[in-house]
Protein backbone atom coordinates (compact mmCIF):
# COMPACT_ATOMS: atom_id res chain seq x y z
CA MET A 1 -0.05 0.30 0.23
CA THR A 2 1.49 3.43 -0.90
CA ASP A 3 1.50 6.75 1.47
CA VAL A 4 -0.89 7.91 -0.45
CA ALA A 5 -3.42 5.12 -0.05
CA LYS A 6 -2.66 4.63 3.64
CA ASN A 7 -3.40 8.75 4.49
CA LYS A 8 -6.59 8.62 2.46
CA ASN A 9 -7.59 5.38 4.66
CA ASN A 10 -6.70 7.72 8.04
CA ASP A 11 -8.67 10.32 6.54
CA ASN A 12 -11.97 8.33 6.56
CA GLU A 13 -11.74 6.92 10.15
CA LYS A 14 -13.62 9.23 12.42
CA PRO A 15 -11.48 10.13 15.64
CA ARG A 16 -11.74 7.98 18.52
CA GLY A 17 -12.78 8.73 21.89
CA PRO A 18 -11.15 8.02 25.15
CA GLY A 19 -10.89 4.59 26.15
CA VAL A 20 -12.78 2.78 29.20
CA LEU A 21 -9.22 2.98 31.06
CA LYS A 22 -8.73 6.63 30.66
CA ILE A 23 -12.35 7.71 31.71
CA THR A 24 -11.88 5.57 34.72
CA GLN A 25 -8.53 6.87 35.31
CA SER A 26 -9.84 10.43 35.23
CA ILE A 27 -12.83 10.06 37.16
CA LEU A 28 -10.76 8.46 40.56
CA ALA A 29 -8.64 11.34 39.58
CA GLY A 30 -11.05 13.74 39.79
CA ALA A 31 -12.60 12.43 42.90
CA LEU A 32 -9.84 12.37 44.85
CA GLY A 33 -8.17 15.42 43.27
CA VAL A 34 -5.03 14.58 42.00
CA GLN A 35 -6.01 15.08 38.42
CA SER A 36 -2.75 16.57 36.70
CA ASN A 37 -3.61 19.91 34.32
CA LYS A 38 -2.41 18.12 31.36
CA ARG A 39 -4.76 15.28 32.21
CA ARG A 40 -7.63 17.73 32.39
CA GLN A 41 -7.02 19.51 29.23
CA GLU A 42 -7.08 15.86 27.48
CA ASP A 43 -10.27 15.34 29.33
CA PHE A 44 -11.50 18.76 27.93
CA SER A 45 -10.69 18.67 24.53
CA SER A 46 -12.50 16.01 24.18
CA HIS A 47 -15.12 15.53 21.45
CA SER A 48 -18.27 14.44 23.61
CA PRO A 49 -18.71 15.06 27.58
CA ALA A 50 -21.36 12.66 27.91
CA PRO A 51 -18.43 9.10 28.41
CA TYR A 52 -17.37 11.70 31.49
CA ILE A 53 -20.91 12.71 32.85
CA ILE A 54 -22.21 9.04 32.79
CA ALA A 55 -19.14 7.26 34.65
CA GLY A 56 -19.17 10.13 36.75
CA LEU A 57 -22.55 9.44 37.71
CA VAL A 58 -22.01 5.35 37.80
CA PHE A 59 -19.09 5.95 40.21
CA THR A 60 -21.15 8.43 42.01
CA GLY A 61 -24.31 5.94 42.67
CA LEU A 62 -21.63 2.89 43.51
CA PHE A 63 -19.89 5.44 45.79
CA VAL A 64 -22.96 6.13 47.99
CA GLY A 65 -24.15 2.71 47.49
CA GLY A 66 -20.84 1.72 49.03
CA LEU A 67 -21.19 3.85 51.99
CA MET A 68 -24.41 3.24 52.64
CA LEU A 69 -23.55 -0.60 52.55
CA VAL A 70 -20.84 0.31 55.64
CA VAL A 71 -22.98 2.21 57.71
CA ASN A 72 -25.97 -0.75 57.60
CA LEU A 73 -23.31 -3.44 58.24
CA VAL A 74 -21.84 -1.34 60.76
CA LEU A 75 -25.53 0.03 62.39
CA SER A 76 -26.34 -3.67 62.28
CA GLY A 77 -23.24 -4.75 64.64
CA GLN A 78 -24.27 -2.87 67.48
């Protein structure tokens, strides 16, 4: 395949969004307050905020559910 053909194929591909691992790392780093400025800029330059919003809501739900579970376990032991 020639260089021209390779470039033509790359032009037809749409830009890929951030992967699941990158989104998870960003959500956890943001929750702990240790997000680097470079990583934050990468996150905000993403094409769509939807994956970050959905992951943030899921993380928040799991966090609150985990806290409720711990509190119920502690209170049931008294």
